[in-house]
Amino acid sequence: MTLSIRTKLFLTLLLACAFSVLAVQTSMYWSFRHGLRDMIEQRLNERVESIGARLVAQYRADGSWSRISEDRRLWMELLSTRESGRRDERLAHSSRQSRIGADAVDRASPMPQHGPFPERRRTPLAKRLMLFDAEGAPVYGRRDQLKQALRFPLRLDGQVIGELALIPGPPIHEAAELRLRQRQTRVLPIIALATLSLSALLAWWLSRWLSRPVLRFREITCRLASGHFAARAPVTGRDELAGLGHDLNALAATLEHNEQARRRWVADISHELRTPVSLLRAELEALQDGVRPFDVGTIATLHSDVMRLSHLIGDLYELSLSDLGALSYRKAKTDLAEVLEAEVSAFRAQFDAAGLDLQFDNRLRTAAIIQADAQRLTQLFGNLLRNSGQYTDAGGALLVRLSTEKDGHFVVDFQDTAPGVSDADRERLFERLYRVEPSRTRQTGGAGLGLAIAKNIVEAHQASIEALPSPQGGLWIRMRFPQTP
């Protein structure tokens, strides 16, 4: 049986509340029992002290214990008299009735031994008190029972005139105390049951409230899994669930953006491939219809179109391998300055033919050794040089500089002259199939894959690449390569 998160939350909260209620009820019952026992003991001590005071007063009047010893009725009255009116009379009357119905016992007669008493069998306070004179002779009671008794000295004018002893026994409960105990015994379970019921309702409401965002997130996740990337989760608050909702919405936005990029990528590839294919088709149909003669010039045009299509397909294939991580890199210790200088020298004749000034500034006094694939670096720098040569205005220049930073990174800068690139276009330069001028013909511009391939090569070498406005008025491409330790 699988429990939902709402059920688990409900059971968890209910169990926590149940344990809390049980702990509170147990502590309350324990505190009540001990508090009641302490109160009974305190009242018992007060009663014994009150009885002791009356005994001392009687001794002051008589001058000895002889009258109390001879008159058992007086002894019982002194034990039963209270300070309160009605209750004193009731207890005194009860003491007299118990004395009348009791067996006539001698003051030195043995009193029953009191051990642990059953709950329903209680011994009156009068039967648990013993009186001894100053020499320890019993006035009422037995000396052998003094070992376990509580002893209260009786003093008159600072001198001990006797001793009042209390035989241990069960607590003597008053009627009000018994009623209070019974009431608490009945009320506590009712309070516990009512508290548990309210806790169950609160736990049910809290479980619904806490699980509602999770259920919404689950619904959004299912919609994302089915391809509805525009779905968003409503988020309120600033807690962990709200953070999860923001993360889920960020994931949905990323998936939506990637899906849009995929569709745009497919559409752009289709357009890029359709254009050279359409040119080839037109050329071939013209040959079939006899519009164009089949000569060396026609063959050269067809070959140029095929090579352009082949180059585009090769770039697409290489870019896909790079995205999949399948592009092979054979890294070894490589001199960055040597590779860069060789590639600049290879493009110098092409720049001269286009009327562009190509400069190389190596500010390093030593070799720039990095862990890299020399062939991929050659491809990287070739793409950047080719891109600059195609888009820089005639009479312009390109400055290639190699330097180092304080943190040890090697920096390669490509700074060309006009035309420049706007801020909005610079942010998208490294996107696939993106051109600054969409109307540019494929004869003068590429398919927009060179910089995307360059970025993948740079990142594969744990380096970084960025586009900045050039101080010379054109585009500035900056790359930072980590040194080999």
Protein backbone atom coordinates (compact mmCIF):
# COMPACT_ATOMS: atom_id res chain seq x y z
CA MET A 1 0.00 0.00 0.00
CA THR A 2 1.46 3.32 -1.14
CA LEU A 3 0.65 6.36 0.98
CA SER A 4 0.39 9.78 -0.60
CA ILE A 5 2.49 12.65 0.71
CA ARG A 6 -0.69 14.25 2.06
CA THR A 7 -1.47 11.11 4.08
CA LYS A 8 2.11 10.90 5.34
CA LEU A 9 2.05 14.52 6.44
CA PHE A 10 -1.31 14.00 8.15
CA LEU A 11 -0.13 10.92 10.02
CA THR A 12 3.16 12.59 10.99
CA LEU A 13 1.47 15.69 12.35
CA LEU A 14 -1.22 13.62 14.11
CA LEU A 15 1.36 11.38 15.77
CA ALA A 16 3.39 14.39 16.86
CA CYS A 17 0.28 15.98 18.35
CA ALA A 18 -0.72 12.71 20.01
CA PHE A 19 2.67 12.32 21.65
CA SER A 20 2.57 15.95 22.76
CA VAL A 21 -0.90 15.55 24.26
CA LEU A 22 0.13 12.33 25.99
CA ALA A 23 3.25 13.98 27.41
CA VAL A 24 1.30 17.01 28.61
CA GLN A 25 -1.45 14.89 30.16
CA THR A 26 1.06 12.63 31.86
CA SER A 27 3.01 15.56 33.28
CA MET A 28 -0.20 17.24 34.42
CA TYR A 29 -1.41 14.07 36.13
CA TRP A 30 1.98 13.54 37.79
CA SER A 31 2.16 17.17 38.87
CA PHE A 32 -1.39 17.03 40.24
CA ARG A 33 -0.74 13.85 42.19
CA HIS A 34 2.46 15.16 43.71
CA GLY A 35 0.99 18.59 44.37
CA LEU A 36 -2.03 17.05 46.06
CA ARG A 37 0.21 14.79 48.14
CA ASP A 38 2.38 17.74 49.18
CA MET A 39 -0.72 19.73 50.09
CA ILE A 40 -2.09 16.85 52.17
CA GLU A 41 1.23 16.45 53.97
CA GLN A 42 1.40 20.17 54.63
CA ARG A 43 -2.14 20.23 56.00
CA LEU A 44 -1.38 17.16 58.09
CA ASN A 45 1.64 18.89 59.59
CA GLU A 46 -0.47 21.94 60.28
CA ARG A 47 -3.09 19.78 62.01
CA VAL A 48 -0.47 18.03 64.10
CA GLU A 49 1.07 21.39 65.04
CA SER A 50 -2.39 22.69 65.93
CA ILE A 51 -3.05 19.61 68.08
CA GLY A 52 0.34 20.05 69.70
CA ALA A 53 -0.48 23.67 70.52
CA ARG A 54 -3.75 22.63 72.19
CA LEU A 55 -1.95 19.90 74.13
CA VAL A 56 0.60 22.44 75.38
CA ALA A 57 -2.23 24.80 76.35
CA GLN A 58 -3.94 21.98 78.25
CA TYR A 59 -0.65 21.12 79.96
CA ARG A 60 -0.23 24.78 80.97
CA ALA A 61 -3.71 24.71 82.51
CA ASP A 62 -3.30 21.36 84.31
CA GLY A 63 0.42 21.48 85.08
CA SER A 64 0.86 17.86 83.98
CA TRP A 65 -0.38 15.17 81.59
CA SER A 66 -2.35 13.41 84.32
CA ARG A 67 -5.77 14.75 83.39
CA ILE A 68 -5.30 13.92 79.68
CA SER A 69 -4.03 10.47 80.68
CA GLU A 70 -7.06 9.79 82.84
CA ASP A 71 -9.74 11.32 80.62
CA ARG A 72 -9.84 9.65 77.20
CA ARG A 73 -12.74 11.87 76.16
CA LEU A 74 -10.57 14.94 76.71
CA TRP A 75 -7.78 13.33 74.68
CA MET A 76 -10.14 12.67 71.77
CA GLU A 77 -11.60 16.18 71.94
CA LEU A 78 -8.11 17.72 71.87
CA LEU A 79 -7.26 15.62 68.83
CA SER A 80 -10.52 16.41 67.01
CA THR A 81 -10.94 20.15 67.71
CA ARG A 82 -10.30 22.45 64.68
CA GLU A 83 -10.00 26.13 64.30
CA SER A 84 -12.91 26.40 61.88
CA GLY A 85 -16.42 26.49 63.23
CA ARG A 86 -18.74 24.08 61.45
CA ARG A 87 -16.06 21.67 60.43
CA ASP A 88 -14.61 21.60 63.96
CA GLU A 89 -18.02 20.76 65.39
CA ARG A 90 -18.59 18.06 62.77
CA LEU A 91 -15.20 16.46 63.35
CA ALA A 92 -15.58 16.71 67.15
CA HIS A 93 -18.99 15.08 66.92
CA SER A 94 -17.54 12.38 64.67
CA SER A 95 -14.73 11.79 67.16
CA ARG A 96 -17.21 11.45 70.04
CA GLN A 97 -19.35 9.01 68.09
CA SER A 98 -16.30 6.94 67.18
CA ARG A 99 -15.19 6.99 70.81
CA ILE A 100 -18.64 5.90 72.07
CA GLY A 101 -18.66 3.01 69.62
CA ALA A 102 -15.05 2.09 70.15
CA ASP A 103 -13.78 -0.52 72.56
CA ALA A 104 -12.60 0.86 75.86
CA VAL A 105 -8.88 0.55 75.70
CA ASP A 106 -6.29 1.51 78.29
CA ARG A 107 -4.04 4.46 77.47
CA ALA A 108 -1.05 2.16 77.46
CA SER A 109 -2.82 -0.57 75.55
CA PRO A 110 -1.09 -1.65 72.36
CA MET A 111 -2.22 0.14 69.20
CA PRO A 112 -2.55 -1.80 65.97
CA GLN A 113 0.53 -1.95 63.80
CA HIS A 114 0.05 0.13 60.66
CA GLY A 115 1.74 -0.96 57.53
CA PRO A 116 0.75 -0.01 53.97
CA PHE A 117 -3.00 0.58 53.96
CA PRO A 118 -5.34 -0.31 51.12
CA GLU A 119 -6.71 2.65 49.20
CA ARG A 120 -10.26 2.23 50.61
CA ARG A 121 -9.18 1.56 54.20
CA ARG A 122 -8.04 4.74 55.90
CA THR A 123 -6.86 5.21 59.50
CA PRO A 124 -8.14 8.35 61.29
CA LEU A 125 -5.52 10.77 62.44
CA ALA A 126 -6.53 10.22 66.12
CA LYS A 127 -5.55 6.56 65.94
CA ARG A 128 -2.12 7.39 64.51
CA LEU A 129 -1.07 9.94 67.15
CA MET A 130 0.80 9.01 70.34
CA LEU A 131 1.73 11.21 73.29
CA PHE A 132 4.79 10.81 75.54
CA ASP A 133 5.86 12.87 78.53
CA ALA A 134 9.23 14.59 78.96
CA GLU A 135 10.86 11.39 80.28
CA GLY A 136 9.57 9.40 77.29
CA ALA A 137 6.91 7.54 79.23
CA PRO A 138 3.81 6.88 77.11
CA VAL A 139 0.70 8.89 77.88
CA TYR A 140 -1.08 7.33 74.93
CA GLY A 141 0.62 4.79 72.69
CA ARG A 142 3.57 2.35 72.80
CA ARG A 143 7.28 3.02 72.86
CA ASP A 144 8.09 0.25 70.39
CA GLN A 145 6.22 2.18 67.70
CA LEU A 146 8.51 5.23 68.02
CA LYS A 147 11.10 3.78 65.61
CA GLN A 148 9.03 4.53 62.52
CA ALA A 149 6.99 7.44 63.87
CA LEU A 150 7.38 11.13 63.12
CA ARG A 151 8.18 12.94 66.34
CA PHE A 152 7.08 16.48 67.27
CA PRO A 153 8.58 17.90 70.50
CA LEU A 154 6.18 19.86 72.73
CA ARG A 155 7.72 22.88 74.46
CA LEU A 156 6.43 25.19 77.14
CA ASP A 157 8.45 28.29 77.93
CA GLY A 158 11.44 26.80 76.11
CA GLN A 159 11.40 23.47 77.96
CA VAL A 160 10.39 20.14 76.46
CA ILE A 161 7.31 18.90 78.29
CA GLY A 162 6.55 15.96 76.06
CA GLU A 163 6.52 14.56 72.56
CA LEU A 164 3.77 13.97 70.02
CA ALA A 165 4.42 11.07 67.64
CA LEU A 166 2.67 10.29 64.34
CA ILE A 167 2.65 6.70 63.14
CA PRO A 168 3.25 6.51 59.35
CA GLY A 169 0.28 5.59 57.22
CA PRO A 170 -1.55 6.43 54.03
CA PRO A 171 -2.44 10.08 53.44
CA ILE A 172 -5.64 11.26 55.05
CA HIS A 173 -7.78 12.70 52.27
CA GLU A 174 -10.33 15.34 52.95
CA ALA A 175 -13.69 15.17 51.19
CA ALA A 176 -12.89 18.21 49.03
CA GLU A 177 -9.54 16.72 48.07
CA LEU A 178 -11.18 13.46 47.09
CA ARG A 179 -13.74 15.29 44.97
CA LEU A 180 -10.96 17.28 43.28
CA ARG A 181 -9.03 14.12 42.53
CA GLN A 182 -12.09 12.39 41.12
CA ARG A 183 -12.94 15.44 39.02
CA GLN A 184 -9.41 15.59 37.61
CA THR A 185 -9.49 11.89 36.86
CA ARG A 186 -12.67 12.34 34.85
CA VAL A 187 -11.75 15.62 33.14
CA LEU A 188 -8.22 14.82 31.98
CA PRO A 189 -9.25 12.04 29.51
CA ILE A 190 -11.99 14.30 28.12
CA ILE A 191 -9.50 17.12 27.63
CA ALA A 192 -7.05 14.72 25.97
CA LEU A 193 -9.73 13.40 23.60
CA ALA A 194 -10.89 16.90 22.68
CA THR A 195 -7.28 18.01 22.11
CA LEU A 196 -6.59 15.02 19.89
CA SER A 197 -9.72 15.73 17.86
CA LEU A 198 -8.70 19.35 17.33
CA SER A 199 -5.15 18.18 16.52
CA ALA A 200 -6.52 15.78 13.91
CA LEU A 201 -8.47 18.58 12.23
CA LEU A 202 -5.45 20.87 12.32
CA ALA A 203 -3.17 18.12 10.99
CA TRP A 204 -5.62 17.41 8.15
CA TRP A 205 -5.75 21.10 7.21
CA LEU A 206 -1.97 21.51 7.46
CA SER A 207 -1.34 18.39 5.36
CA ARG A 208 -3.60 19.75 2.62
CA TRP A 209 -1.98 23.17 2.80
CA LEU A 210 1.59 21.82 2.75
CA SER A 211 0.99 19.23 0.04
CA ARG A 212 -0.89 21.57 -2.30
CA PRO A 213 2.31 23.16 -3.76
CA VAL A 214 3.90 19.74 -4.14
CA LEU A 215 0.88 18.48 -6.06
CA ARG A 216 0.97 21.57 -8.26
CA PHE A 217 4.68 21.00 -8.94
CA ARG A 218 3.91 17.40 -9.85
CA GLU A 219 1.26 18.56 -12.30
CA ILE A 220 3.67 21.05 -13.88
CA THR A 221 6.35 18.37 -14.12
CA CYS A 222 3.94 16.04 -15.93
CA ARG A 223 3.05 18.80 -18.37
CA LEU A 224 6.73 19.50 -19.00
CA ALA A 225 7.36 15.80 -19.58
CA SER A 226 4.58 15.78 -22.18
CA GLY A 227 6.17 18.68 -24.06
CA HIS A 228 4.14 21.66 -22.77
CA PHE A 229 7.15 23.81 -21.91
CA ALA A 230 5.06 26.97 -21.46
CA ALA A 231 3.63 25.62 -18.18
CA ARG A 232 4.58 27.57 -15.06
CA ALA A 233 3.95 26.91 -11.39
CA PRO A 234 2.37 29.68 -9.27
CA VAL A 235 4.84 30.60 -6.54
CA THR A 236 4.10 32.47 -3.32
CA GLY A 237 6.23 33.01 -0.23
CA ARG A 238 9.96 32.75 0.34
CA ASP A 239 10.36 29.30 1.89
CA GLU A 240 12.01 26.16 0.48
CA LEU A 241 8.88 25.20 -1.48
CA ALA A 242 8.85 28.64 -3.07
CA GLY A 243 12.51 28.17 -3.99
CA LEU A 244 11.66 24.81 -5.53
CA GLY A 245 8.88 26.48 -7.51
CA HIS A 246 11.27 29.13 -8.84
CA ASP A 247 13.76 26.41 -9.83
CA LEU A 248 11.00 24.47 -11.57
CA ASN A 249 9.92 27.58 -13.48
CA ALA A 250 13.54 28.26 -14.42
CA LEU A 251 13.81 24.69 -15.72
CA ALA A 252 10.60 25.15 -17.72
CA ALA A 253 11.90 28.42 -19.19
CA THR A 254 15.18 26.73 -20.15
CA LEU A 255 13.36 23.84 -21.77
CA GLU A 256 11.10 26.26 -23.64
CA HIS A 257 14.10 28.27 -24.81
CA ASN A 258 15.93 25.14 -25.92
CA GLU A 259 12.87 23.90 -27.76
CA GLN A 260 12.54 27.22 -29.55
CA ALA A 261 16.27 27.14 -30.36
CA ARG A 262 15.92 23.58 -31.67
CA ARG A 263 13.06 24.53 -33.93
CA ARG A 264 14.88 27.63 -35.12
CA TRP A 265 18.01 25.49 -35.65
CA VAL A 266 16.13 23.00 -37.78
CA ALA A 267 14.49 25.79 -39.77
CA ASP A 268 17.82 27.57 -40.29
CA ILE A 269 19.57 24.37 -41.36
CA SER A 270 16.77 23.63 -43.81
CA HIS A 271 17.07 27.13 -45.22
CA GLU A 272 20.86 26.95 -45.41
CA LEU A 273 20.78 23.63 -47.21
CA ARG A 274 17.91 24.58 -49.50
CA THR A 275 19.74 27.61 -50.89
CA PRO A 276 22.82 25.84 -52.38
CA VAL A 277 20.67 22.91 -53.46
CA SER A 278 18.30 25.31 -55.24
CA LEU A 279 21.28 26.90 -57.02
CA LEU A 280 22.55 23.50 -58.11
CA ARG A 281 19.09 22.52 -59.30
CA ALA A 282 18.74 25.72 -61.30
CA GLU A 283 22.15 25.24 -62.90
CA LEU A 284 21.40 21.65 -63.83
CA GLU A 285 17.95 22.46 -65.19
CA ALA A 286 19.49 25.24 -67.26
CA LEU A 287 21.92 22.72 -68.71
CA GLN A 288 19.11 20.27 -69.41
CA ASP A 289 17.03 22.91 -71.18
CA GLY A 290 20.03 24.10 -73.18
CA VAL A 291 19.84 27.59 -71.71
CA ARG A 292 23.42 27.41 -70.56
CA PRO A 293 26.21 25.69 -72.46
CA PHE A 294 28.05 22.87 -70.80
CA ASP A 295 31.54 24.37 -70.72
CA VAL A 296 34.42 24.89 -68.32
CA GLY A 297 32.78 27.95 -66.73
CA THR A 298 29.58 26.03 -65.98
CA ILE A 299 31.53 23.16 -64.48
CA ALA A 300 33.48 25.63 -62.30
CA THR A 301 30.19 27.20 -61.08
CA LEU A 302 28.72 23.79 -60.29
CA HIS A 303 31.89 22.77 -58.49
CA SER A 304 31.86 26.00 -56.42
CA ASP A 305 28.26 25.39 -55.37
CA VAL A 306 29.03 21.79 -54.42
CA MET A 307 32.08 22.82 -52.40
CA ARG A 308 30.05 25.48 -50.59
CA LEU A 309 27.42 22.89 -49.77
CA SER A 310 30.07 20.42 -48.71
CA HIS A 311 31.69 23.01 -46.45
CA LEU A 312 28.33 23.80 -44.84
CA ILE A 313 27.58 20.14 -44.22
CA GLY A 314 31.06 19.68 -42.78
CA ASP A 315 30.58 22.60 -40.39
CA LEU A 316 27.21 21.25 -39.30
CA TYR A 317 28.65 17.82 -38.70
CA GLU A 318 31.60 19.20 -36.77
CA LEU A 319 29.33 21.40 -34.66
CA SER A 320 27.06 18.46 -33.85
CA LEU A 321 30.05 16.38 -32.80
CA SER A 322 31.21 19.21 -30.57
CA ASP A 323 27.77 19.49 -28.93
CA LEU A 324 27.68 15.76 -28.31
CA GLY A 325 31.18 15.74 -26.88
CA ALA A 326 32.30 13.39 -29.64
CA LEU A 327 34.73 15.81 -31.27
CA SER A 328 38.17 14.30 -30.78
CA TYR A 329 40.92 16.32 -29.10
CA ARG A 330 44.50 15.11 -28.95
CA LYS A 331 45.90 17.44 -26.35
CA ALA A 332 49.57 17.82 -25.67
CA LYS A 333 51.94 20.53 -24.52
CA THR A 334 51.66 23.14 -27.27
CA ASP A 335 53.28 26.52 -27.82
CA LEU A 336 50.33 28.89 -28.27
CA ALA A 337 52.55 31.61 -29.74
CA GLU A 338 53.96 29.27 -32.38
CA VAL A 339 50.55 28.05 -33.57
CA LEU A 340 49.11 31.59 -33.63
CA GLU A 341 52.07 33.06 -35.51
CA ALA A 342 51.98 30.26 -38.09
CA GLU A 343 48.27 30.79 -38.78
CA VAL A 344 48.70 34.56 -39.08
CA SER A 345 51.51 34.00 -41.60
CA ALA A 346 49.28 31.63 -43.59
CA PHE A 347 46.54 34.30 -43.94
CA ARG A 348 48.83 37.25 -44.62
CA ALA A 349 48.72 36.87 -48.42
CA GLN A 350 44.90 36.68 -48.34
CA PHE A 351 44.69 39.86 -46.27
CA ASP A 352 47.13 41.65 -48.59
CA ALA A 353 45.01 40.70 -51.58
CA ALA A 354 41.91 42.14 -49.86
CA GLY A 355 43.71 45.38 -49.03
CA LEU A 356 43.79 44.70 -45.29
CA ASP A 357 46.66 45.21 -42.90
CA LEU A 358 47.35 42.15 -40.72
CA GLN A 359 49.58 42.74 -37.66
CA PHE A 360 50.82 40.27 -35.04
CA ASP A 361 52.02 41.54 -31.64
CA ASN A 362 53.67 38.92 -29.43
CA ARG A 363 54.35 40.47 -26.04
CA LEU A 364 55.71 37.28 -24.50
CA ARG A 365 59.41 36.77 -24.08
CA THR A 366 59.06 33.03 -23.57
CA ALA A 367 57.00 30.25 -25.08
CA ALA A 368 53.30 30.14 -24.16
CA ILE A 369 52.95 26.46 -23.27
CA ILE A 370 49.40 25.16 -22.78
CA GLN A 371 47.75 21.75 -22.89
CA ALA A 372 45.92 21.85 -26.20
CA ASP A 373 45.22 20.21 -29.56
CA ALA A 374 47.37 22.12 -32.07
CA GLN A 375 45.11 21.14 -34.99
CA ARG A 376 42.00 22.47 -33.23
CA LEU A 377 43.83 25.68 -32.31
CA THR A 378 44.76 26.11 -35.97
CA GLN A 379 41.07 25.64 -36.87
CA LEU A 380 40.05 28.16 -34.18
CA PHE A 381 42.44 30.90 -35.26
CA GLY A 382 41.68 30.20 -38.93
CA ASN A 383 37.95 30.72 -38.36
CA LEU A 384 38.59 34.02 -36.58
CA LEU A 385 41.02 35.26 -39.24
CA ARG A 386 38.65 34.22 -42.03
CA ASN A 387 35.71 35.90 -40.29
CA SER A 388 37.62 39.17 -39.85
CA GLY A 389 38.91 39.12 -43.44
CA GLN A 390 35.37 38.69 -44.81
CA TYR A 391 33.64 41.42 -42.79
CA THR A 392 36.32 44.13 -42.38
CA ASP A 393 36.00 47.05 -44.82
CA ALA A 394 38.66 47.46 -47.47
CA GLY A 395 41.62 49.47 -46.27
CA GLY A 396 41.06 48.31 -42.70
CA ALA A 397 43.34 46.35 -40.40
CA LEU A 398 43.38 43.46 -37.96
CA LEU A 399 45.61 43.38 -34.88
CA VAL A 400 46.37 39.98 -33.32
CA ARG A 401 48.00 40.26 -29.89
CA LEU A 402 49.32 37.61 -27.49
CA SER A 403 49.93 38.63 -23.89
CA THR A 404 49.63 37.34 -20.35
CA GLU A 405 47.70 38.43 -17.26
CA LYS A 406 48.75 38.68 -13.65
CA ASP A 407 46.84 35.50 -12.79
CA GLY A 408 48.92 33.57 -15.33
CA HIS A 409 46.38 33.22 -18.16
CA PHE A 410 47.48 33.71 -21.75
CA VAL A 411 45.31 36.25 -23.60
CA VAL A 412 44.76 36.27 -27.37
CA ASP A 413 43.10 39.40 -28.81
CA PHE A 414 41.68 39.88 -32.32
CA GLN A 415 40.91 43.60 -32.86
CA ASP A 416 39.77 44.75 -36.30
CA THR A 417 38.49 48.01 -37.76
CA ALA A 418 35.05 49.01 -39.01
CA PRO A 419 32.35 47.96 -39.37
CA GLY A 420 31.48 47.53 -35.70
CA VAL A 421 28.85 45.34 -34.11
CA SER A 422 26.01 46.60 -31.94
CA ASP A 423 25.64 45.48 -28.32
CA ALA A 424 22.56 43.39 -29.15
CA ASP A 425 24.37 41.61 -31.97
CA ARG A 426 27.50 40.98 -29.89
CA GLU A 427 25.46 39.00 -27.35
CA ARG A 428 24.33 36.63 -30.12
CA LEU A 429 27.51 36.36 -32.15
CA PHE A 430 28.31 32.87 -30.88
CA GLU A 431 24.84 31.48 -31.65
CA ARG A 432 24.57 28.99 -34.48
CA LEU A 433 23.55 30.32 -37.90
CA TYR A 434 23.42 33.88 -36.60
CA ARG A 435 24.52 36.70 -38.90
CA VAL A 436 24.84 40.36 -38.10
CA GLU A 437 23.46 41.13 -41.59
CA PRO A 438 20.77 38.60 -42.58
CA SER A 439 20.62 40.03 -46.11
CA ARG A 440 24.31 39.25 -46.71
CA THR A 441 24.72 36.80 -49.60
CA ARG A 442 26.38 33.48 -49.03
CA GLN A 443 28.98 34.53 -51.58
CA THR A 444 30.54 37.07 -49.17
CA GLY A 445 29.43 35.67 -45.82
CA GLY A 446 29.37 32.27 -44.21
CA ALA A 447 26.51 30.31 -42.72
CA GLY A 448 27.02 31.73 -39.25
CA LEU A 449 28.71 28.63 -37.81
CA GLY A 450 32.32 29.78 -37.56
CA LEU A 451 32.08 31.60 -34.24
CA ALA A 452 29.85 28.87 -32.76
CA ILE A 453 32.51 26.28 -33.64
CA ALA A 454 35.22 28.60 -32.28
CA LYS A 455 33.38 28.89 -28.95
CA ASN A 456 33.09 25.10 -28.62
CA ILE A 457 36.82 24.67 -29.33
CA VAL A 458 37.74 27.32 -26.76
CA GLU A 459 35.53 25.80 -24.06
CA ALA A 460 36.94 22.35 -24.79
CA HIS A 461 40.33 23.76 -23.75
CA GLN A 462 38.89 25.11 -20.44
CA ALA A 463 39.34 28.62 -21.84
CA SER A 464 36.93 31.53 -22.30
CA ILE A 465 35.92 33.70 -25.25
CA GLU A 466 33.98 36.97 -25.39
CA ALA A 467 33.08 39.68 -27.91
CA LEU A 468 33.82 43.33 -27.09
CA PRO A 469 33.80 46.62 -28.99
CA SER A 470 37.21 47.14 -30.57
CA PRO A 471 39.19 50.32 -29.82
CA GLN A 472 39.82 50.48 -33.59
CA GLY A 473 36.09 50.69 -34.36
CA GLY A 474 35.36 47.07 -35.23
CA LEU A 475 35.00 43.83 -33.30
CA TRP A 476 37.25 42.62 -30.48
CA ILE A 477 37.43 38.89 -29.78
CA ARG A 478 39.27 38.06 -26.55
CA MET A 479 40.29 34.55 -25.45
CA ARG A 480 41.92 33.51 -22.16
CA PHE A 481 43.82 30.21 -21.96
CA PRO A 482 45.08 28.66 -18.71
CA GLN A 483 48.79 27.88 -18.49
CA THR A 484 50.02 24.34 -18.12
CA PRO A 485 51.35 23.81 -14.58
